[in-house]
Amino acid sequence: MTARKVILAFVEAINAHDLTALAELMTDEHAFIDAHGNGITGRQQMLAGWRGYFEWFPDYSIEVTDIFENENDFALCGFAGGSFKGAADKSWRLPVAWKATVNDGRVALWQVFADTKIPFEIISAG
């Protein structure tokens, strides 16, 4: 599978909330960096993170509108959205950019760039 196909499969797994596919697509040392610069390293730790995020936002999805590629490094642009605990009145949709790196057919880095003010306000309001 090409690096581009790996990234597209990763996006598809996120949108399907498919933890098994995400696990298969992440390196053992997978690094996730959120929009505030906080990082998580390790496949198992990140799976726990995705599991919790999907519980908070059961309809979370991302839409990639542009992909910029340099060998195994990618910049993706698009949108992300969801609703807190599935409540329609607690939904959000934001422009987002992602940086990703593929090593040996798996995603080694997934970094998010977004203004998370709206989702955090929704979470804080409960």
Protein backbone atom coordinates (compact mmCIF):
# COMPACT_ATOMS: atom_id res chain seq x y z
CA MET A 1 0.00 0.00 0.00
CA THR A 2 1.38 3.44 -0.90
CA ALA A 3 1.88 6.02 1.84
CA ARG A 4 -1.01 8.04 0.40
CA LYS A 5 -3.31 5.00 0.56
CA VAL A 6 -2.25 4.44 4.18
CA ILE A 7 -3.24 8.01 5.07
CA LEU A 8 -6.58 7.68 3.27
CA ALA A 9 -7.24 4.37 5.05
CA PHE A 10 -6.40 6.07 8.37
CA VAL A 11 -8.92 8.83 7.66
CA GLU A 12 -11.49 6.20 6.70
CA ALA A 13 -10.84 4.31 9.95
CA ILE A 14 -11.28 7.52 11.97
CA ASN A 15 -14.58 8.24 10.25
CA ALA A 16 -15.75 4.65 10.81
CA HIS A 17 -14.59 4.78 14.46
CA ASP A 18 -12.84 1.51 13.66
CA LEU A 19 -10.34 0.96 16.47
CA THR A 20 -9.17 -2.34 14.97
CA ALA A 21 -8.27 -0.67 11.68
CA LEU A 22 -6.66 2.26 13.48
CA ALA A 23 -4.51 -0.19 15.47
CA GLU A 24 -3.42 -1.93 12.30
CA LEU A 25 -2.54 1.39 10.66
CA MET A 26 -0.47 2.84 13.54
CA THR A 27 3.17 2.12 14.27
CA ASP A 28 3.98 0.75 17.73
CA GLU A 29 5.55 4.12 18.56
CA HIS A 30 2.75 6.14 16.95
CA ALA A 31 2.84 9.77 18.06
CA PHE A 32 -0.27 11.91 18.34
CA ILE A 33 0.04 15.65 18.97
CA ASP A 34 -3.11 17.62 19.67
CA ALA A 35 -3.87 21.21 18.73
CA HIS A 36 -2.31 22.44 21.99
CA GLY A 37 0.98 20.62 21.52
CA ASN A 38 0.18 17.83 23.96
CA GLY A 39 1.47 14.47 22.84
CA ILE A 40 0.70 10.80 23.32
CA THR A 41 3.16 8.15 22.23
CA GLY A 42 2.34 4.51 21.66
CA ARG A 43 -0.34 2.61 19.79
CA GLN A 44 -2.14 1.33 22.89
CA GLN A 45 -2.22 4.76 24.55
CA MET A 46 -3.59 6.31 21.37
CA LEU A 47 -6.25 3.64 20.98
CA ALA A 48 -7.45 4.52 24.48
CA GLY A 49 -7.47 8.17 23.43
CA TRP A 50 -9.52 7.47 20.30
CA ARG A 51 -11.92 5.27 22.28
CA GLY A 52 -12.58 8.10 24.75
CA TYR A 53 -12.91 10.71 21.99
CA PHE A 54 -15.42 8.57 20.11
CA GLU A 55 -17.44 8.24 23.34
CA TRP A 56 -17.49 12.02 23.74
CA PHE A 57 -18.27 12.58 20.06
CA PRO A 58 -20.05 9.48 18.72
CA ASP A 59 -20.57 11.11 15.33
CA TYR A 60 -17.06 12.60 15.02
CA SER A 61 -15.79 12.71 11.46
CA ILE A 62 -13.16 14.44 9.41
CA GLU A 63 -13.38 15.66 5.85
CA VAL A 64 -10.12 16.02 3.98
CA THR A 65 -10.37 18.53 1.16
CA ASP A 66 -6.67 18.87 0.24
CA ILE A 67 -3.61 16.65 0.58
CA PHE A 68 -0.05 17.84 0.12
CA GLU A 69 2.52 15.07 -0.11
CA ASN A 70 6.31 14.91 0.12
CA GLU A 71 7.31 11.24 0.00
CA ASN A 72 6.10 9.90 3.38
CA ASP A 73 5.13 13.25 4.90
CA PHE A 74 1.69 14.73 4.43
CA ALA A 75 -0.22 17.90 5.15
CA LEU A 76 -3.98 17.52 5.04
CA CYS A 77 -6.56 20.29 5.18
CA GLY A 78 -10.27 20.08 5.73
CA PHE A 79 -12.87 20.01 8.45
CA ALA A 80 -13.69 18.06 11.59
CA GLY A 81 -16.95 17.94 13.46
CA GLY A 82 -19.18 16.08 15.80
CA SER A 83 -21.61 16.53 18.64
CA PHE A 84 -20.85 16.08 22.32
CA LYS A 85 -22.48 12.86 23.53
CA GLY A 86 -24.48 12.91 20.27
CA ALA A 87 -26.58 15.94 21.26
CA ALA A 88 -27.56 17.95 18.17
CA ASP A 89 -27.50 21.22 20.14
CA LYS A 90 -23.88 20.54 21.12
CA SER A 91 -22.46 20.08 17.64
CA TRP A 92 -19.49 21.72 16.01
CA ARG A 93 -17.62 21.81 12.70
CA LEU A 94 -14.23 23.46 12.34
CA PRO A 95 -11.50 23.96 9.75
CA VAL A 96 -8.57 21.70 10.60
CA ALA A 97 -5.14 20.82 9.27
CA TRP A 98 -3.25 17.62 9.99
CA LYS A 99 0.38 16.68 9.63
CA ALA A 100 1.08 12.99 9.13
CA THR A 101 4.06 10.75 8.55
CA VAL A 102 3.99 7.19 7.24
CA ASN A 103 6.81 4.75 8.09
CA ASP A 104 6.90 1.20 6.75
CA GLY A 105 3.24 1.29 5.70
CA ARG A 106 1.89 2.64 9.00
CA VAL A 107 1.09 6.06 10.41
CA ALA A 108 3.92 7.16 12.72
CA LEU A 109 2.67 10.71 13.36
CA TRP A 110 -0.76 12.33 13.41
CA GLN A 111 -0.72 15.98 14.45
CA VAL A 112 -3.76 18.26 14.61
CA PHE A 113 -3.86 22.02 14.00
CA ALA A 114 -7.19 23.64 14.89
CA ASP A 115 -8.85 26.24 17.05
CA THR A 116 -10.49 24.03 19.66
CA LYS A 117 -12.30 26.79 21.55
CA ILE A 118 -15.79 25.75 20.43
CA PRO A 119 -15.48 22.02 21.25
CA PHE A 120 -13.90 22.80 24.64
CA GLU A 121 -16.71 25.24 25.48
CA ILE A 122 -19.27 22.57 24.56
CA ILE A 123 -17.51 19.95 26.70
CA SER A 124 -17.22 22.39 29.64
CA ALA A 125 -20.92 23.20 29.47
CA GLY A 126 -21.59 19.46 29.83
